Protein backbone atom coordinates (compact mmCIF):
# COMPACT_ATOMS: atom_id res chain seq x y z
CA MET A 1 249.44 52.90 170.37
CA PRO A 2 248.36 56.15 169.17
CA CYS A 3 251.10 58.12 166.96
CA LYS A 4 251.74 61.21 168.83
CA TYR A 5 252.49 63.31 165.60
CA TYR A 6 249.15 65.39 164.81
CA LYS A 7 248.13 68.76 163.36
CA LEU A 8 247.59 70.76 166.25
CA ILE A 9 244.07 72.51 166.83
CA ILE A 10 245.98 75.70 167.53
CA ALA A 11 248.41 75.77 164.90
CA ALA A 12 247.37 79.14 163.69
CA ILE A 13 248.26 81.21 166.85
CA ALA A 14 250.86 81.53 169.38
CA VAL A 15 251.19 79.92 172.52
CA CYS A 16 253.67 79.36 175.31
CA SER A 17 255.66 76.38 176.18
CA LEU A 18 256.08 74.42 178.81
CA SER A 19 260.06 75.66 179.13
CA ALA A 20 259.06 79.22 178.61
CA CYS A 21 255.85 80.28 180.99
CA GLY A 22 253.93 79.29 184.13
CA PHE A 23 250.15 78.00 183.93
CA PHE A 24 247.42 77.84 186.08
CA GLY A 25 246.84 81.99 185.36
CA LYS A 26 243.69 83.53 185.89
CA GLU A 27 243.53 85.23 182.53
CA PRO A 28 241.33 83.07 180.14
CA LEU A 29 242.32 82.14 176.78
CA ASN A 30 240.46 81.94 173.64
CA ILE A 31 241.11 78.49 172.07
CA ASP A 32 240.72 78.30 168.52
CA GLY A 33 239.81 75.38 165.94
CA GLU A 34 236.58 73.23 165.77
CA ARG A 35 235.36 72.30 168.98
CA ILE A 36 233.00 68.98 168.24
CA ASN A 37 229.67 69.14 170.29
CA ILE A 38 229.95 65.73 172.07
CA ILE A 39 226.48 66.58 173.94
CA SER A 40 224.25 66.91 171.08
CA GLU A 41 225.38 63.28 170.08
CA ASP A 42 224.86 61.36 173.52
CA SER A 43 222.14 62.94 175.35
CA SER A 44 223.12 60.88 178.16
CA LEU A 45 225.55 63.07 179.26
CA VAL A 46 223.78 66.33 179.33
CA PRO A 47 223.85 68.14 182.97
CA ASP A 48 221.14 67.14 184.88
CA TYR A 49 221.17 70.43 186.62
CA ALA A 50 220.68 73.91 185.07
CA SER A 51 223.52 76.00 185.08
CA GLY A 52 224.29 77.68 188.54
CA GLU A 53 221.40 75.21 190.25
CA LEU A 54 224.28 73.15 192.41
CA LYS A 55 227.05 75.39 193.46
CA ILE A 56 230.29 72.95 193.97
CA ARG A 57 232.14 73.21 197.44
CA LEU A 58 235.27 71.48 197.37
CA PRO A 59 237.45 70.72 200.68
CA ARG A 60 240.25 72.97 201.12
CA PRO A 61 243.79 72.39 199.35
CA TYR A 62 246.33 70.25 201.33
CA ASP A 63 250.11 69.56 201.19
CA ASN A 64 250.32 66.00 200.42
CA ALA A 65 254.15 64.86 200.88
CA ARG A 66 253.70 61.89 198.70
CA TRP A 67 252.12 60.07 195.39
CA ALA A 68 253.61 56.83 196.30
CA GLN A 69 251.90 54.46 193.67
CA ASN A 70 250.08 54.20 190.76
CA GLY A 71 247.02 56.73 191.69
CA GLY A 72 248.25 58.41 194.47
CA ASN A 73 247.68 55.93 197.40
CA SER A 74 246.51 52.79 197.82
CA GLN A 75 242.77 53.49 198.01
CA HIS A 76 243.70 56.03 194.58
CA LEU A 77 241.94 58.87 196.89
CA MET A 78 243.99 61.95 196.33
CA GLY A 79 241.36 64.64 196.98
CA HIS A 80 242.23 68.26 196.94
CA LEU A 81 245.90 68.86 196.32
CA LYS A 82 248.16 71.86 197.11
CA THR A 83 250.32 73.85 194.75
CA ASP A 84 250.86 77.48 193.89
CA THR A 85 248.40 79.09 191.68
CA LYS A 86 250.46 80.04 188.82
CA LEU A 87 253.01 77.38 187.92
CA LYS A 88 256.72 78.25 187.05
CA LYS A 89 259.30 75.85 185.35
CA LEU A 90 261.85 74.29 188.11
CA TRP A 91 263.47 71.54 186.10
CA ASP A 92 263.49 68.98 183.19
CA THR A 93 265.26 65.68 182.87
CA ASN A 94 265.30 62.42 180.82
CA PHE A 95 265.01 59.36 182.58
CA GLY A 96 265.63 56.76 179.52
CA GLU A 97 263.51 55.27 176.56
CA GLY A 98 260.47 56.38 176.15
CA THR A 99 257.67 55.27 173.31
CA SER A 100 258.98 53.86 170.23
CA LYS A 101 258.09 51.66 167.51
CA ARG A 102 259.82 48.84 169.44
CA ASP A 103 258.68 49.68 173.02
CA ILE A 104 255.96 51.35 174.63
CA LEU A 105 256.06 53.53 177.95
CA ILE A 106 252.99 53.14 180.33
CA ALA A 107 254.38 53.54 183.55
CA SER A 108 253.73 56.70 185.91
CA PRO A 109 256.40 58.40 188.08
CA VAL A 110 256.17 57.71 191.92
CA ILE A 111 257.10 60.27 194.69
CA SER A 112 258.33 59.86 198.40
CA ASN A 113 260.90 61.06 200.90
CA LYS A 114 261.44 64.04 198.56
CA VAL A 115 262.40 61.84 195.55
CA VAL A 116 261.04 61.00 192.14
CA PHE A 117 261.10 57.28 190.74
CA THR A 118 260.46 56.24 187.46
CA ILE A 119 260.86 53.37 185.31
CA ASP A 120 260.95 53.59 181.55
CA ALA A 121 260.28 51.48 178.63
CA GLU A 122 263.29 49.49 178.71
CA GLY A 123 263.12 48.45 182.32
CA ILE A 124 265.57 50.74 183.84
CA VAL A 125 264.73 51.88 187.15
CA SER A 126 265.51 55.69 188.03
CA ALA A 127 265.56 58.20 191.04
CA PHE A 128 265.73 61.93 191.20
CA ARG A 129 266.03 64.70 193.55
CA LEU A 130 262.46 66.23 193.88
CA ASP A 131 263.94 69.84 194.45
CA ASN A 132 266.46 69.94 191.65
CA GLY A 133 266.19 66.82 189.21
CA LYS A 134 269.59 65.32 189.64
CA GLN A 135 269.73 61.72 189.29
CA ILE A 136 270.54 59.37 192.37
CA TRP A 137 270.84 56.41 191.32
CA GLU A 138 270.06 53.85 188.18
CA ARG A 139 269.06 50.17 188.28
CA ARG A 140 268.67 48.13 185.26
CA LEU A 141 266.08 45.16 185.66
CA LYS A 142 267.31 42.69 183.15
CA PRO A 143 265.51 40.17 181.48
CA LYS A 144 266.71 36.20 181.82
CA ASN A 145 267.57 35.62 178.42
CA LYS A 146 267.32 37.07 175.06
CA GLU A 147 263.91 36.34 173.86
CA GLU A 148 262.27 38.15 176.34
CA LYS A 149 264.30 41.20 175.49
CA SER A 150 262.10 41.85 172.65
CA ALA A 151 258.75 42.56 175.00
CA SER A 152 257.17 45.61 173.99
CA ILE A 153 256.11 46.74 177.47
CA LYS A 154 259.58 46.32 179.61
CA GLY A 155 258.72 48.45 182.50
CA ALA A 156 255.01 48.35 183.86
CA GLY A 157 254.79 50.38 187.11
CA LEU A 158 256.21 51.36 190.65
CA ALA A 159 255.43 51.39 194.36
CA VAL A 160 256.80 52.85 197.21
CA PHE A 161 256.36 51.37 200.65
CA ASN A 162 258.58 51.36 203.81
CA LYS A 163 261.52 53.13 202.24
CA LYS A 164 261.37 50.30 199.71
CA VAL A 165 260.97 50.79 195.88
CA TYR A 166 258.53 48.16 194.37
CA ALA A 167 258.64 47.51 190.61
CA THR A 168 256.95 45.27 188.07
CA THR A 169 258.32 44.36 184.22
CA GLY A 170 256.84 42.85 181.22
CA PHE A 171 259.15 39.83 181.89
CA GLY A 172 256.58 38.82 184.76
CA ASP A 173 258.72 39.83 187.61
CA VAL A 174 258.25 41.92 190.57
CA PHE A 175 261.54 43.51 192.10
CA CYS A 176 261.91 45.04 195.65
CA LEU A 177 264.37 47.90 195.84
CA ASP A 178 266.42 49.68 198.52
CA MET A 179 264.78 53.59 198.00
CA PHE A 180 268.28 54.58 198.61
CA ASN A 181 270.51 52.95 196.61
CA GLY A 182 268.44 50.79 194.24
CA LYS A 183 269.96 47.55 195.55
CA LYS A 184 267.74 44.50 194.41
CA LEU A 185 266.44 43.17 197.91
CA TRP A 186 264.55 40.51 196.01
CA ARG A 187 263.03 39.10 193.00
CA THR A 188 259.55 36.93 192.41
CA SER A 189 258.82 35.43 189.09
CA LEU A 190 254.93 35.14 188.38
CA ASP A 191 255.83 33.32 184.77
CA MET A 192 253.18 35.87 183.30
CA PRO A 193 253.75 39.00 181.20
CA ILE A 194 252.83 42.30 183.70
CA ARG A 195 251.39 45.42 182.23
CA ILE A 196 250.38 47.11 185.68
CA ALA A 197 251.76 48.89 188.46
CA PRO A 198 251.48 47.13 191.73
CA SER A 199 249.76 48.51 194.70
CA VAL A 200 251.10 48.34 198.25
CA ALA A 201 249.55 48.62 201.62
CA ALA A 202 249.80 46.85 204.81
CA ASN A 203 252.70 44.87 204.07
CA ARG A 204 251.21 43.52 200.92
CA VAL A 205 252.35 44.05 197.38
CA LEU A 206 249.46 43.27 194.61
CA VAL A 207 250.47 42.35 191.63
CA GLN A 208 248.14 41.71 188.21
CA THR A 209 249.28 39.72 185.51
CA PHE A 210 248.60 39.76 181.71
CA ASP A 211 246.06 36.44 182.31
CA ASN A 212 243.94 38.19 184.93
CA THR A 213 245.55 36.89 188.05
CA LEU A 214 245.80 39.04 191.01
CA ALA A 215 248.70 38.04 193.49
CA ALA A 216 249.61 38.77 196.60
CA LEU A 217 253.00 38.83 197.76
CA ASP A 218 254.68 39.83 201.14
CA ALA A 219 256.37 43.33 200.83
CA ASP A 220 259.23 41.88 203.00
CA ASP A 221 260.46 38.90 201.30
CA GLY A 222 258.73 38.56 197.97
CA SER A 223 256.53 35.03 199.05
CA ILE A 224 253.39 34.60 197.43
CA LEU A 225 250.71 34.88 200.12
CA TRP A 226 247.64 33.82 197.70
CA ARG A 227 246.41 33.91 194.03
CA GLY A 228 243.10 34.90 192.63
CA GLN A 229 242.08 34.61 188.79
CA THR A 230 239.15 35.27 186.25
CA ASP A 231 238.58 34.70 182.74
CA PHE A 232 241.19 35.86 180.11
CA GLU A 233 240.35 38.35 177.69
CA ALA A 234 242.61 38.33 174.36
CA THR A 235 241.28 41.37 173.14
CA THR A 236 242.37 44.24 175.00
CA ILE A 237 244.03 47.46 175.66
CA VAL A 238 247.42 48.41 176.47
CA GLY A 239 248.01 48.76 180.43
CA GLY A 240 245.54 48.13 182.74
CA ALA A 241 243.86 49.09 186.39
CA SER A 242 246.04 49.19 189.52
CA PRO A 243 244.39 47.47 192.44
CA ALA A 244 242.58 49.31 195.05
CA TYR A 245 243.39 48.74 198.88
CA ASN A 246 241.63 49.55 202.02
CA SER A 247 243.77 48.16 204.59
CA GLU A 248 241.54 49.23 207.53
CA MET A 249 238.59 47.25 206.05
CA ASP A 250 240.77 44.41 204.37
CA VAL A 251 239.14 44.45 201.02
CA ILE A 252 240.97 44.95 197.73
CA ILE A 253 238.99 45.73 194.64
CA ALA A 254 240.72 44.76 191.61
CA ALA A 255 239.52 45.62 187.93
CA PHE A 256 240.26 43.11 184.88
CA SER A 257 240.34 42.82 181.00
CA ASN A 258 237.07 41.21 180.65
CA GLY A 259 235.22 43.69 182.41
CA GLU A 260 235.07 42.59 185.72
CA LEU A 261 235.31 44.12 188.96
CA ARG A 262 236.09 41.87 192.22
CA ALA A 263 236.47 42.73 195.62
CA PHE A 264 238.79 40.10 197.54
CA LYS A 265 239.46 39.74 201.34
CA ALA A 266 243.05 41.29 201.77
CA SER A 267 244.28 38.57 204.36
CA THR A 268 243.09 35.08 202.35
CA GLY A 269 242.53 36.31 198.84
CA THR A 270 238.57 34.99 199.40
CA PRO A 271 236.58 36.78 196.69
CA LEU A 272 233.72 38.74 198.05
CA TRP A 273 231.77 40.06 195.19
CA THR A 274 231.71 40.46 191.52
CA ASP A 275 230.32 42.89 189.14
CA LEU A 276 230.55 43.36 185.40
CA LEU A 277 231.12 46.51 183.78
CA VAL A 278 229.58 46.17 180.62
CA SER A 279 227.64 48.53 178.36
CA LYS A 280 224.50 47.33 176.82
CA ARG A 281 225.08 49.45 173.91
CA ARG A 282 227.47 48.47 170.88
CA THR A 283 227.73 51.09 168.60
CA ASN A 284 230.94 50.09 166.82
CA SER A 285 233.77 47.28 166.79
CA LEU A 286 235.76 48.88 169.86
CA ALA A 287 232.31 48.59 172.03
CA GLU A 288 233.43 44.85 172.29
CA ILE A 289 236.33 45.76 174.23
CA THR A 290 235.15 45.22 177.65
CA ALA A 291 238.64 45.89 179.45
CA ILE A 292 238.84 48.16 182.40
CA LYS A 293 241.92 49.92 182.51
CA ALA A 294 240.98 53.18 184.75
CA ASN A 295 241.97 53.03 188.23
CA PRO A 296 239.07 51.86 190.70
CA VAL A 297 238.94 54.07 193.55
CA ILE A 298 237.65 53.63 197.02
CA ASP A 299 235.85 56.53 198.93
CA GLY A 300 234.75 55.27 202.27
CA ASN A 301 232.13 52.52 202.00
CA LYS A 302 231.67 52.97 198.28
CA VAL A 303 233.60 52.11 195.01
CA PHE A 304 233.85 54.07 192.14
CA ALA A 305 234.85 52.35 188.64
CA VAL A 306 234.51 52.99 184.92
CA GLY A 307 235.34 50.73 182.00
CA TYR A 308 236.71 51.31 178.73
CA ASN A 309 233.71 51.18 176.66
CA SER A 310 230.96 50.69 179.13
CA VAL A 311 229.70 52.54 182.32
CA LEU A 312 230.85 54.67 185.21
CA ALA A 313 229.36 52.87 188.53
CA ALA A 314 229.10 53.71 192.22
CA ILE A 315 229.19 50.68 193.87
CA ASP A 316 228.76 49.38 197.62
CA LEU A 317 231.83 48.11 198.91
CA ARG A 318 230.90 45.70 201.76
CA THR A 319 227.64 43.85 199.26
CA GLY A 320 229.06 44.82 195.67
CA SER A 321 225.29 46.39 195.18
CA ARG A 322 225.20 49.49 192.25
CA ILE A 323 224.18 52.40 194.11
CA TRP A 324 223.76 54.33 190.75
CA GLU A 325 225.45 53.97 186.72
CA ARG A 326 225.85 56.20 183.62
CA GLU A 327 226.80 54.90 180.10
CA MET A 328 230.26 56.45 179.57
CA GLY A 329 233.83 55.04 179.04
CA SER A 330 236.79 56.00 179.87
CA THR A 331 240.47 55.05 180.51
CA ASN A 332 241.06 57.70 182.95
CA GLN A 333 240.94 57.15 186.95
CA PRO A 334 238.01 58.88 188.62
CA TRP A 335 239.07 62.03 190.48
CA ILE A 336 236.90 62.24 193.78
CA ALA A 337 236.89 65.24 196.29
CA GLY A 338 234.69 66.29 198.91
CA GLU A 339 230.74 64.88 197.16
CA TYR A 340 231.97 65.42 193.81
CA LEU A 341 233.45 63.25 190.82
CA PHE A 342 235.24 64.28 188.19
CA VAL A 343 236.25 62.16 184.98
CA LEU A 344 237.48 62.71 181.27
CA THR A 345 235.71 60.22 179.23
CA ASN A 346 237.15 58.21 176.09
CA GLU A 347 235.34 61.30 174.10
CA PHE A 348 236.92 64.32 176.08
CA ASN A 349 234.04 65.13 177.78
CA LEU A 350 235.28 66.43 180.99
CA LEU A 351 232.28 65.81 183.41
CA ALA A 352 231.78 66.71 187.26
CA ILE A 353 229.10 64.40 188.63
CA ASN A 354 227.39 64.57 192.35
CA LYS A 355 229.10 61.32 193.39
CA ASN A 356 226.33 60.57 195.85
CA ASN A 357 223.57 60.48 192.86
CA GLY A 358 225.39 59.83 189.71
CA LYS A 359 223.83 63.41 188.30
CA ILE A 360 226.02 65.35 185.93
CA ILE A 361 226.64 69.25 186.99
CA TRP A 362 228.52 70.46 184.10
CA ASN A 363 229.79 68.65 180.99
CA THR A 364 232.72 70.42 178.97
CA THR A 365 234.50 69.41 175.67
CA ILE A 366 238.36 69.33 175.79
CA PRO A 367 239.90 70.20 172.50
CA THR A 368 241.93 67.47 170.78
CA GLY A 369 241.82 68.01 167.22
CA ASP A 370 239.66 70.20 163.73
CA ASP A 371 238.95 66.86 162.31
CA MET A 372 237.88 63.06 162.87
CA GLU A 373 241.09 61.43 161.84
CA GLU A 374 243.15 63.51 164.14
CA LYS A 375 240.37 63.44 167.28
CA SER A 376 240.61 59.45 166.74
CA GLY A 377 244.39 59.14 167.22
CA VAL A 378 244.67 61.57 170.42
CA TYR A 379 244.03 60.17 174.18
CA GLY A 380 243.88 62.32 177.27
CA SER A 381 245.03 61.91 180.67
CA GLY A 382 243.83 63.36 184.30
CA PRO A 383 241.84 64.96 185.83
CA VAL A 384 243.82 65.94 188.71
CA LEU A 385 242.62 68.56 191.10
CA ALA A 386 245.08 71.00 192.54
CA ALA A 387 245.30 74.82 193.23
CA ASP A 388 241.55 74.89 192.33
CA ARG A 389 242.04 73.47 188.90
CA LEU A 390 241.52 70.11 187.23
CA ILE A 391 244.59 69.49 185.19
CA VAL A 392 244.00 67.39 181.97
CA ALA A 393 246.73 66.52 179.30
CA THR A 394 246.65 64.90 175.78
CA SER A 395 249.09 63.28 174.01
CA ASN A 396 249.32 65.80 171.07
CA GLY A 397 250.58 68.02 173.45
CA TYR A 398 248.55 70.65 175.51
CA VAL A 399 247.92 70.50 178.85
CA PHE A 400 244.65 72.29 179.88
CA ALA A 401 243.71 73.84 183.45
CA VAL A 402 239.82 73.70 183.82
CA SER A 403 237.35 75.12 186.77
CA PRO A 404 235.98 72.19 189.22
CA TYR A 405 233.07 74.76 189.70
CA ASN A 406 231.85 75.67 186.17
CA GLY A 407 233.98 73.63 183.36
CA GLU A 408 235.23 76.82 182.32
CA ILE A 409 238.58 76.27 180.54
CA ILE A 410 240.90 78.70 182.29
CA SER A 411 244.06 78.64 180.59
CA TYR A 412 246.34 75.97 178.61
CA ILE A 413 249.73 75.59 177.55
CA SER A 414 251.73 73.48 174.56
CA THR A 415 254.40 71.23 175.08
CA SER A 416 257.14 69.91 172.39
CA ASP A 417 256.00 66.20 173.19
CA GLY A 418 252.61 64.39 174.16
CA ILE A 419 251.87 63.85 177.36
CA ALA A 420 252.06 60.29 177.99
CA GLN A 421 250.65 59.78 181.90
CA SER A 422 248.40 62.07 184.23
CA PRO A 423 250.36 64.56 186.04
CA ILE A 424 251.50 63.76 189.61
CA VAL A 425 251.69 66.13 192.27
CA ALA A 426 254.02 65.87 195.60
CA GLY A 427 255.40 68.43 198.33
CA GLY A 428 253.31 71.79 196.13
CA ILE A 429 255.58 70.32 192.51
CA THR A 430 253.84 68.99 189.63
CA ILE A 431 255.54 66.86 187.28
CA PHE A 432 254.37 65.87 183.52
CA THR A 433 255.69 62.69 181.64
CA THR A 434 256.27 63.14 178.27
CA GLU A 435 256.41 60.46 175.45
CA ASP A 436 260.06 60.76 175.45
CA ALA A 437 260.40 59.95 178.67
CA ASP A 438 261.33 63.32 179.89
CA LEU A 439 260.32 64.59 183.42
CA LEU A 440 258.96 68.32 183.59
CA ALA A 441 258.91 69.96 187.21
CA TYR A 442 256.87 72.77 187.57
CA LYS A 443 256.28 74.65 191.15
């Protein structure tokens, strides 16, 4: 896991902290430090349109009341979210153990029924009021024995469905908890560590284990409906992609650590098609890691998916045929709104792409550090589109607001600790999660 202590690119200037001021303001800020030109090193990411040739028009922002699972909803398709144009601090709270030498915090919070649910690095699930951050309940998901307590990933992820909280753990267990009091309703063991948040829709809980097994569980009683498995990849990265689920079309899209993207019939588990997101380029030893960590996105009759060190591809949902592809790698879920796709690459290129043909509209480099050693240790999260701003965060403590229309960095803020997960938005409130397991809420 990357270290969270770095020399900062903006050390020479004063910046406002998250506890001190709002953000999404209109006044541009000058960012000091060296900005490495990634485009000159990788001509494949040069924009395909001349500046101003294609004018981006986004759907109007809407009020979303829920962020019920990893990626927002079961299709990982949230569109243009509504918040105030200038955010102000609402509350902050700690929800337990964060990333340390012993444990890793990988789970994003979820929001439903005006409650924020978290699972920390020790596998403790907590519920907080969305309006003021006050804790409602806490439930420890204990391992079976002492040996299991040594697992570095205890809390894998959460999802909320039908007033129940579904939690996966590094011990291989799936729990169903009562949303209102945290009471355990059922527990199912899959006998293999889980490092991915579950997806839930149409009364099915989709869980992916460390050995690349996808299991569908009945949401009411936890019984296993079916299992599907692909080849196991020993060399991988921490975490993984939650399955995307279109309940109307009865299709599940799952991404695996061996680079495979697979479609299953949700009702039976029957495999429909397989694609392999592997780049033709091999530039270094990391290029051998074929894992897909970014959530795939289902948008209508298309699937959009990107591999860690491979390609971003648009795929026909029914047939599995590729529509277009671009050479790039990312651990972040592509964000789709209207006719456009936004993605943050591993090299900190924030791209706007025409989702219909894969052509790049603009490319902005997000600042991370002023030397390659710093840059190699920092990772980014996002983007999330809210109030005509793309929100991008970095593990060395910066949050950027970027114009989705031209890629201009509008403003930024610094935090006292690195941001561990992509921000989430619901009820007009934006929540950031730090590596120390702090929730920072803005409205």
